[in-house]
Amino acid sequence: MNIISILNKIFKPSKIQALAHKETAFSVGSGLITQAPLMILLTWFMREVLDVTSYLTLSITNISVMTVISYIRVYYTRMYFSGRYDDILERNDNEMVGLEEADL
C-alpha cells in the first residue's frame, strides 16, 4: 500500500464510515455532557445528603447508575442513526465522500 491509498482510506470514508464516525462522535460527546455532571451530582448527593462514607458503596452506586443511563443513551443514539444506515444500504450507494483525488 502506498501513502496515497492510506490517505484515501482515512480522508475519504464511504458514506457508511462517515456516518459511523458521526455516530461515534455523537455518542462520546453526549456521554461526556451527561455522565460527568451526573457523576459529580450523584457523588455529592450520596456524600453530603445521605452521608454515605463507604467508597465501595459510592463506587457500586455510581457504576450501577452510569450503566443504566449509558444503556438508555446509547440505545436512543443507535435508534436515531439506524434509519440513516438503512437508506444507504438500500440504495447500495457506497460512494466516497471527502477529499478529492486531484487535491492529493
N, C-alpha and C. Protein backbone atom coordinates (compact mmCIF):
# COMPACT_ATOMS: atom_id res chain seq x y z
N MET A 1 0.85 -1.19 0.00
CA MET A 1 0.00 0.00 0.00
C MET A 1 0.88 1.24 0.00
N ASN A 2 0.53 2.16 -0.86
CA ASN A 2 1.29 3.40 -0.86
C ASN A 2 0.60 4.45 0.02
N ILE A 3 1.25 5.55 0.16
CA ILE A 3 0.75 6.61 1.07
C ILE A 3 -0.56 7.20 0.58
N ILE A 4 -0.76 7.30 -0.74
CA ILE A 4 -2.00 7.87 -1.29
C ILE A 4 -3.20 6.99 -0.93
N SER A 5 -3.05 5.67 -1.06
CA SER A 5 -4.17 4.79 -0.74
C SER A 5 -4.49 4.82 0.76
N ILE A 6 -3.48 4.95 1.58
CA ILE A 6 -3.71 5.06 3.02
C ILE A 6 -4.45 6.35 3.35
N LEU A 7 -4.01 7.46 2.74
CA LEU A 7 -4.68 8.74 2.97
C LEU A 7 -6.11 8.73 2.44
N ASN A 8 -6.35 8.06 1.31
CA ASN A 8 -7.70 7.96 0.78
C ASN A 8 -8.62 7.20 1.74
N LYS A 9 -8.11 6.15 2.36
CA LYS A 9 -8.92 5.40 3.31
C LYS A 9 -9.25 6.23 4.54
N ILE A 10 -8.31 7.07 4.95
CA ILE A 10 -8.52 7.89 6.15
C ILE A 10 -9.42 9.09 5.85
N PHE A 11 -9.12 9.79 4.76
CA PHE A 11 -9.80 11.06 4.49
C PHE A 11 -10.94 10.96 3.50
N LYS A 12 -11.18 9.79 2.92
CA LYS A 12 -12.31 9.61 2.01
C LYS A 12 -13.11 8.40 2.43
N PRO A 13 -13.75 8.48 3.58
CA PRO A 13 -14.53 7.32 4.02
C PRO A 13 -15.78 7.16 3.16
N SER A 14 -16.31 5.96 3.13
CA SER A 14 -17.58 5.74 2.45
C SER A 14 -18.67 6.43 3.28
N LYS A 15 -19.87 6.48 2.72
CA LYS A 15 -20.97 7.13 3.46
C LYS A 15 -21.26 6.41 4.77
N ILE A 16 -21.17 5.10 4.75
CA ILE A 16 -21.41 4.34 5.99
C ILE A 16 -20.33 4.64 7.02
N GLN A 17 -19.07 4.69 6.58
CA GLN A 17 -17.99 5.00 7.51
C GLN A 17 -18.12 6.42 8.06
N ALA A 18 -18.48 7.37 7.19
CA ALA A 18 -18.66 8.75 7.65
C ALA A 18 -19.78 8.84 8.67
N LEU A 19 -20.86 8.11 8.42
CA LEU A 19 -21.98 8.11 9.36
C LEU A 19 -21.58 7.43 10.68
N ALA A 20 -20.76 6.39 10.59
CA ALA A 20 -20.28 5.72 11.81
C ALA A 20 -19.41 6.67 12.63
N HIS A 21 -18.59 7.49 11.95
CA HIS A 21 -17.79 8.48 12.67
C HIS A 21 -18.68 9.51 13.35
N LYS A 22 -19.72 9.96 12.66
CA LYS A 22 -20.64 10.92 13.26
C LYS A 22 -21.35 10.31 14.47
N GLU A 23 -21.79 9.07 14.33
CA GLU A 23 -22.47 8.40 15.44
C GLU A 23 -21.54 8.23 16.63
N THR A 24 -20.31 7.85 16.37
CA THR A 24 -19.34 7.67 17.45
C THR A 24 -19.06 8.99 18.16
N ALA A 25 -18.85 10.05 17.38
CA ALA A 25 -18.59 11.36 17.97
C ALA A 25 -19.80 11.84 18.80
N PHE A 26 -20.99 11.60 18.26
CA PHE A 26 -22.20 11.99 18.99
C PHE A 26 -22.33 11.21 20.29
N SER A 27 -22.06 9.90 20.23
CA SER A 27 -22.18 9.06 21.42
C SER A 27 -21.17 9.46 22.49
N VAL A 28 -19.93 9.69 22.08
CA VAL A 28 -18.90 10.08 23.04
C VAL A 28 -19.20 11.47 23.61
N GLY A 29 -19.60 12.40 22.75
CA GLY A 29 -19.92 13.76 23.21
C GLY A 29 -21.11 13.79 24.14
N SER A 30 -22.16 13.06 23.80
CA SER A 30 -23.34 13.05 24.67
C SER A 30 -23.03 12.36 25.99
N GLY A 31 -22.15 11.36 25.95
CA GLY A 31 -21.74 10.71 27.19
C GLY A 31 -20.99 11.66 28.10
N LEU A 32 -20.10 12.43 27.51
CA LEU A 32 -19.34 13.40 28.30
C LEU A 32 -20.25 14.47 28.90
N ILE A 33 -21.18 14.94 28.10
CA ILE A 33 -22.08 16.00 28.56
C ILE A 33 -23.03 15.50 29.65
N THR A 34 -23.50 14.27 29.54
CA THR A 34 -24.47 13.77 30.52
C THR A 34 -23.83 13.08 31.71
N GLN A 35 -22.82 12.27 31.48
CA GLN A 35 -22.30 11.42 32.54
C GLN A 35 -21.43 12.18 33.56
N ALA A 36 -20.59 13.09 33.11
CA ALA A 36 -19.71 13.80 34.03
C ALA A 36 -20.49 14.60 35.08
N PRO A 37 -21.43 15.46 34.67
CA PRO A 37 -22.19 16.19 35.69
C PRO A 37 -23.03 15.26 36.58
N LEU A 38 -23.55 14.20 35.98
CA LEU A 38 -24.36 13.26 36.75
C LEU A 38 -23.53 12.56 37.82
N MET A 39 -22.32 12.18 37.49
CA MET A 39 -21.46 11.51 38.47
C MET A 39 -21.10 12.47 39.61
N ILE A 40 -20.81 13.71 39.28
CA ILE A 40 -20.49 14.70 40.32
C ILE A 40 -21.71 14.92 41.22
N LEU A 41 -22.88 15.09 40.61
CA LEU A 41 -24.10 15.32 41.39
C LEU A 41 -24.45 14.11 42.25
N LEU A 42 -24.35 12.92 41.69
CA LEU A 42 -24.66 11.71 42.45
C LEU A 42 -23.69 11.50 43.61
N THR A 43 -22.41 11.73 43.35
CA THR A 43 -21.42 11.57 44.43
C THR A 43 -21.66 12.61 45.53
N TRP A 44 -21.92 13.86 45.15
CA TRP A 44 -22.21 14.90 46.14
C TRP A 44 -23.45 14.53 46.96
N PHE A 45 -24.50 14.10 46.27
CA PHE A 45 -25.75 13.76 46.95
C PHE A 45 -25.54 12.64 47.96
N MET A 46 -24.82 11.62 47.55
CA MET A 46 -24.60 10.49 48.47
C MET A 46 -23.68 10.85 49.63
N ARG A 47 -22.65 11.67 49.36
CA ARG A 47 -21.71 12.03 50.43
C ARG A 47 -22.31 13.05 51.40
N GLU A 48 -22.93 14.08 50.86
CA GLU A 48 -23.39 15.19 51.70
C GLU A 48 -24.80 15.01 52.24
N VAL A 49 -25.72 14.55 51.42
CA VAL A 49 -27.12 14.45 51.85
C VAL A 49 -27.38 13.12 52.56
N LEU A 50 -26.97 12.02 51.94
CA LEU A 50 -27.22 10.70 52.53
C LEU A 50 -26.13 10.28 53.51
N ASP A 51 -25.04 11.02 53.57
CA ASP A 51 -23.93 10.77 54.49
C ASP A 51 -23.34 9.37 54.33
N VAL A 52 -23.16 8.98 53.06
CA VAL A 52 -22.52 7.69 52.76
C VAL A 52 -21.02 7.94 52.72
N THR A 53 -20.27 7.18 53.49
CA THR A 53 -18.83 7.38 53.53
C THR A 53 -18.05 6.19 52.98
N SER A 54 -18.72 5.10 52.72
CA SER A 54 -18.05 3.91 52.20
C SER A 54 -17.76 4.10 50.70
N TYR A 55 -16.48 4.01 50.35
CA TYR A 55 -16.12 4.17 48.95
C TYR A 55 -16.64 3.02 48.10
N LEU A 56 -16.77 1.85 48.68
CA LEU A 56 -17.32 0.72 47.96
C LEU A 56 -18.78 0.97 47.58
N THR A 57 -19.55 1.49 48.52
CA THR A 57 -20.95 1.82 48.25
C THR A 57 -21.06 2.91 47.21
N LEU A 58 -20.23 3.95 47.34
CA LEU A 58 -20.24 5.02 46.35
C LEU A 58 -19.90 4.49 44.96
N SER A 59 -18.89 3.66 44.86
CA SER A 59 -18.46 3.12 43.57
C SER A 59 -19.52 2.23 42.94
N ILE A 60 -20.09 1.34 43.73
CA ILE A 60 -21.10 0.43 43.19
C ILE A 60 -22.33 1.20 42.74
N THR A 61 -22.74 2.19 43.50
CA THR A 61 -23.90 3.00 43.13
C THR A 61 -23.61 3.80 41.86
N ASN A 62 -22.43 4.44 41.80
CA ASN A 62 -22.08 5.21 40.59
C ASN A 62 -22.04 4.31 39.36
N ILE A 63 -21.42 3.16 39.48
CA ILE A 63 -21.32 2.23 38.34
C ILE A 63 -22.70 1.77 37.90
N SER A 64 -23.56 1.46 38.85
CA SER A 64 -24.91 0.99 38.51
C SER A 64 -25.72 2.06 37.79
N VAL A 65 -25.70 3.27 38.34
CA VAL A 65 -26.47 4.36 37.73
C VAL A 65 -25.90 4.72 36.36
N MET A 66 -24.59 4.79 36.24
CA MET A 66 -23.96 5.12 34.95
C MET A 66 -24.25 4.05 33.89
N THR A 67 -24.27 2.79 34.30
CA THR A 67 -24.55 1.72 33.35
C THR A 67 -25.97 1.82 32.81
N VAL A 68 -26.93 2.06 33.67
CA VAL A 68 -28.32 2.18 33.22
C VAL A 68 -28.49 3.39 32.31
N ILE A 69 -27.95 4.52 32.70
CA ILE A 69 -28.10 5.73 31.89
C ILE A 69 -27.34 5.61 30.57
N SER A 70 -26.17 4.99 30.59
CA SER A 70 -25.41 4.78 29.35
C SER A 70 -26.17 3.86 28.40
N TYR A 71 -26.76 2.83 28.93
CA TYR A 71 -27.53 1.91 28.08
C TYR A 71 -28.68 2.65 27.39
N ILE A 72 -29.41 3.45 28.14
CA ILE A 72 -30.52 4.21 27.58
C ILE A 72 -30.02 5.20 26.54
N ARG A 73 -28.94 5.93 26.84
CA ARG A 73 -28.39 6.92 25.92
C ARG A 73 -27.91 6.28 24.62
N VAL A 74 -27.18 5.17 24.72
CA VAL A 74 -26.66 4.51 23.52
C VAL A 74 -27.80 3.88 22.72
N TYR A 75 -28.81 3.36 23.38
CA TYR A 75 -29.97 2.79 22.68
C TYR A 75 -30.63 3.85 21.81
N TYR A 76 -30.91 5.02 22.38
CA TYR A 76 -31.56 6.06 21.61
C TYR A 76 -30.65 6.63 20.52
N THR A 77 -29.36 6.66 20.77
CA THR A 77 -28.42 7.09 19.73
C THR A 77 -28.45 6.12 18.56
N ARG A 78 -28.41 4.81 18.84
CA ARG A 78 -28.45 3.80 17.78
C ARG A 78 -29.77 3.86 17.02
N MET A 79 -30.88 4.07 17.72
CA MET A 79 -32.17 4.15 17.04
C MET A 79 -32.23 5.38 16.13
N TYR A 80 -31.64 6.48 16.56
CA TYR A 80 -31.62 7.69 15.76
C TYR A 80 -30.82 7.47 14.47
N PHE A 81 -29.66 6.84 14.58
CA PHE A 81 -28.79 6.67 13.43
C PHE A 81 -29.15 5.45 12.59
N SER A 82 -29.91 4.49 13.10
CA SER A 82 -30.17 3.25 12.36
C SER A 82 -30.96 3.50 11.08
N GLY A 83 -31.87 4.43 11.08
CA GLY A 83 -32.62 4.75 9.86
C GLY A 83 -31.73 5.28 8.77
N ARG A 84 -30.71 5.98 9.11
CA ARG A 84 -29.78 6.51 8.12
C ARG A 84 -28.97 5.41 7.47
N TYR A 85 -28.61 4.39 8.24
CA TYR A 85 -27.87 3.26 7.67
C TYR A 85 -28.74 2.51 6.67
N ASP A 86 -30.02 2.34 7.00
CA ASP A 86 -30.92 1.61 6.12
C ASP A 86 -31.03 2.28 4.76
N ASP A 87 -31.12 3.62 4.74
CA ASP A 87 -31.21 4.34 3.47
C ASP A 87 -29.98 4.10 2.61
N ILE A 88 -28.82 4.09 3.22
CA ILE A 88 -27.57 3.90 2.47
C ILE A 88 -27.48 2.47 1.96
N LEU A 89 -27.85 1.51 2.78
CA LEU A 89 -27.75 0.11 2.37
C LEU A 89 -28.77 -0.24 1.30
N GLU A 90 -29.97 0.35 1.36
CA GLU A 90 -30.99 0.08 0.36
C GLU A 90 -30.57 0.58 -1.02
N ARG A 91 -29.94 1.73 -1.07
CA ARG A 91 -29.51 2.29 -2.35
C ARG A 91 -28.26 1.60 -2.86
N ASN A 92 -27.57 0.87 -1.99
CA ASN A 92 -26.32 0.21 -2.35
C ASN A 92 -25.35 1.22 -2.96
N ASP A 93 -25.35 2.41 -2.39
CA ASP A 93 -24.52 3.50 -2.89
C ASP A 93 -23.43 3.75 -1.87
N ASN A 94 -22.27 3.20 -2.11
CA ASN A 94 -21.18 3.28 -1.15
C ASN A 94 -20.09 4.21 -1.69
N GLU A 95 -20.50 5.31 -2.29
CA GLU A 95 -19.52 6.20 -2.90
C GLU A 95 -18.71 6.92 -1.85
N MET A 96 -17.55 7.37 -2.25
CA MET A 96 -16.64 8.03 -1.33
C MET A 96 -17.01 9.51 -1.20
N VAL A 97 -16.81 10.03 0.00
CA VAL A 97 -17.03 11.44 0.26
C VAL A 97 -15.77 12.00 0.88
N GLY A 98 -15.57 13.27 0.77
CA GLY A 98 -14.40 13.87 1.42
C GLY A 98 -13.46 14.51 0.43
N LEU A 99 -12.16 14.31 0.61
CA LEU A 99 -11.15 14.94 -0.21
C LEU A 99 -11.21 14.43 -1.64
N GLU A 100 -10.91 15.28 -2.56
CA GLU A 100 -10.83 14.91 -3.97
C GLU A 100 -9.48 14.31 -4.26
N GLU A 101 -9.43 13.35 -5.17
CA GLU A 101 -8.15 12.74 -5.52
C GLU A 101 -7.20 13.74 -6.15
N ALA A 102 -7.76 14.72 -6.85
CA ALA A 102 -6.91 15.71 -7.52
C ALA A 102 -6.16 16.57 -6.51
N ASP A 103 -6.74 16.70 -5.31
CA ASP A 103 -6.11 17.53 -4.29
C ASP A 103 -4.88 16.87 -3.68
N LEU A 104 -4.79 15.53 -3.80
CA LEU A 104 -3.68 14.81 -3.21
C LEU A 104 -2.55 14.82 -4.19
